[in-house]
């Protein structure tokens, strides 16, 4: 449960960080 919550909390944070540096096709696909 802790791992699941950690994952869900980190997904938006990681995606925002990645988008800030270099937008990747993965981010476009996520949207």
N, C-alpha and C. Protein backbone atom coordinates (compact mmCIF):
# COMPACT_ATOMS: atom_id res chain seq x y z
N UNK A 1 0.83 -1.20 0.00
CA UNK A 1 0.00 0.00 0.00
C UNK A 1 0.87 1.25 0.00
N UNK A 2 1.90 1.23 0.79
CA UNK A 2 2.80 2.39 0.84
C UNK A 2 3.44 2.60 -0.53
N UNK A 3 3.85 1.50 -1.15
CA UNK A 3 4.50 1.60 -2.46
C UNK A 3 3.51 2.17 -3.49
N UNK A 4 2.27 1.72 -3.41
CA UNK A 4 1.26 2.18 -4.37
C UNK A 4 1.04 3.68 -4.21
N UNK A 5 0.87 4.13 -2.97
CA UNK A 5 0.66 5.55 -2.71
C UNK A 5 1.87 6.35 -3.17
N UNK A 6 3.06 5.84 -2.89
CA UNK A 6 4.28 6.53 -3.30
C UNK A 6 4.33 6.67 -4.82
N UNK A 7 3.92 5.61 -5.50
CA UNK A 7 3.94 5.63 -6.96
C UNK A 7 2.96 6.66 -7.52
N UNK A 8 1.74 6.66 -6.98
CA UNK A 8 0.73 7.59 -7.49
C UNK A 8 1.13 9.03 -7.19
N UNK A 9 1.81 9.24 -6.08
CA UNK A 9 2.24 10.60 -5.73
C UNK A 9 3.41 11.05 -6.59
N UNK A 10 4.23 10.10 -7.01
CA UNK A 10 5.44 10.45 -7.76
C UNK A 10 5.17 10.62 -9.25
N UNK A 11 4.12 9.97 -9.76
CA UNK A 11 3.85 10.03 -11.20
C UNK A 11 3.70 11.47 -11.69
N UNK A 12 2.80 12.27 -11.10
CA UNK A 12 2.65 13.66 -11.57
C UNK A 12 3.92 14.46 -11.36
N UNK A 13 4.61 14.21 -10.25
CA UNK A 13 5.83 14.96 -9.94
C UNK A 13 6.92 14.66 -10.97
N UNK A 14 7.08 13.37 -11.28
CA UNK A 14 8.11 12.98 -12.24
C UNK A 14 7.76 13.51 -13.63
N UNK A 15 6.50 13.40 -14.01
CA UNK A 15 6.10 13.87 -15.34
C UNK A 15 6.33 15.37 -15.47
N UNK A 16 6.03 16.11 -14.40
CA UNK A 16 6.24 17.57 -14.43
C UNK A 16 7.73 17.88 -14.55
N UNK A 17 8.55 17.13 -13.81
CA UNK A 17 10.00 17.35 -13.86
C UNK A 17 10.52 17.06 -15.26
N UNK A 18 10.10 15.94 -15.83
CA UNK A 18 10.57 15.57 -17.16
C UNK A 18 10.14 16.60 -18.19
N UNK A 19 8.91 17.06 -18.08
CA UNK A 19 8.40 18.04 -19.05
C UNK A 19 9.17 19.34 -18.94
N UNK A 20 9.61 19.66 -17.72
CA UNK A 20 10.33 20.91 -17.52
C UNK A 20 11.66 20.90 -18.28
N UNK A 21 12.31 19.74 -18.30
CA UNK A 21 13.63 19.66 -18.95
C UNK A 21 13.48 19.33 -20.43
N UNK A 22 12.89 18.18 -20.73
CA UNK A 22 12.76 17.78 -22.13
C UNK A 22 11.47 17.00 -22.33
N UNK A 23 10.48 17.61 -23.00
CA UNK A 23 9.23 16.92 -23.30
C UNK A 23 9.49 15.72 -24.19
N UNK A 24 9.03 14.56 -23.79
CA UNK A 24 9.28 13.34 -24.55
C UNK A 24 7.97 12.80 -25.12
N UNK A 25 8.06 11.98 -26.14
CA UNK A 25 6.85 11.36 -26.72
C UNK A 25 6.04 10.63 -25.65
N UNK A 26 6.75 10.14 -24.61
CA UNK A 26 6.05 9.44 -23.53
C UNK A 26 5.07 10.38 -22.84
N UNK A 27 5.49 11.63 -22.64
CA UNK A 27 4.60 12.60 -22.00
C UNK A 27 3.41 12.90 -22.91
N UNK A 28 3.69 13.04 -24.20
CA UNK A 28 2.61 13.32 -25.14
C UNK A 28 1.62 12.17 -25.16
N UNK A 29 2.15 10.95 -25.08
CA UNK A 29 1.28 9.77 -25.09
C UNK A 29 0.46 9.71 -23.80
N UNK A 30 1.07 10.17 -22.71
CA UNK A 30 0.36 10.13 -21.42
C UNK A 30 -0.87 11.05 -21.49
N UNK A 31 -0.72 12.17 -22.15
CA UNK A 31 -1.86 13.08 -22.24
C UNK A 31 -2.87 12.51 -23.22
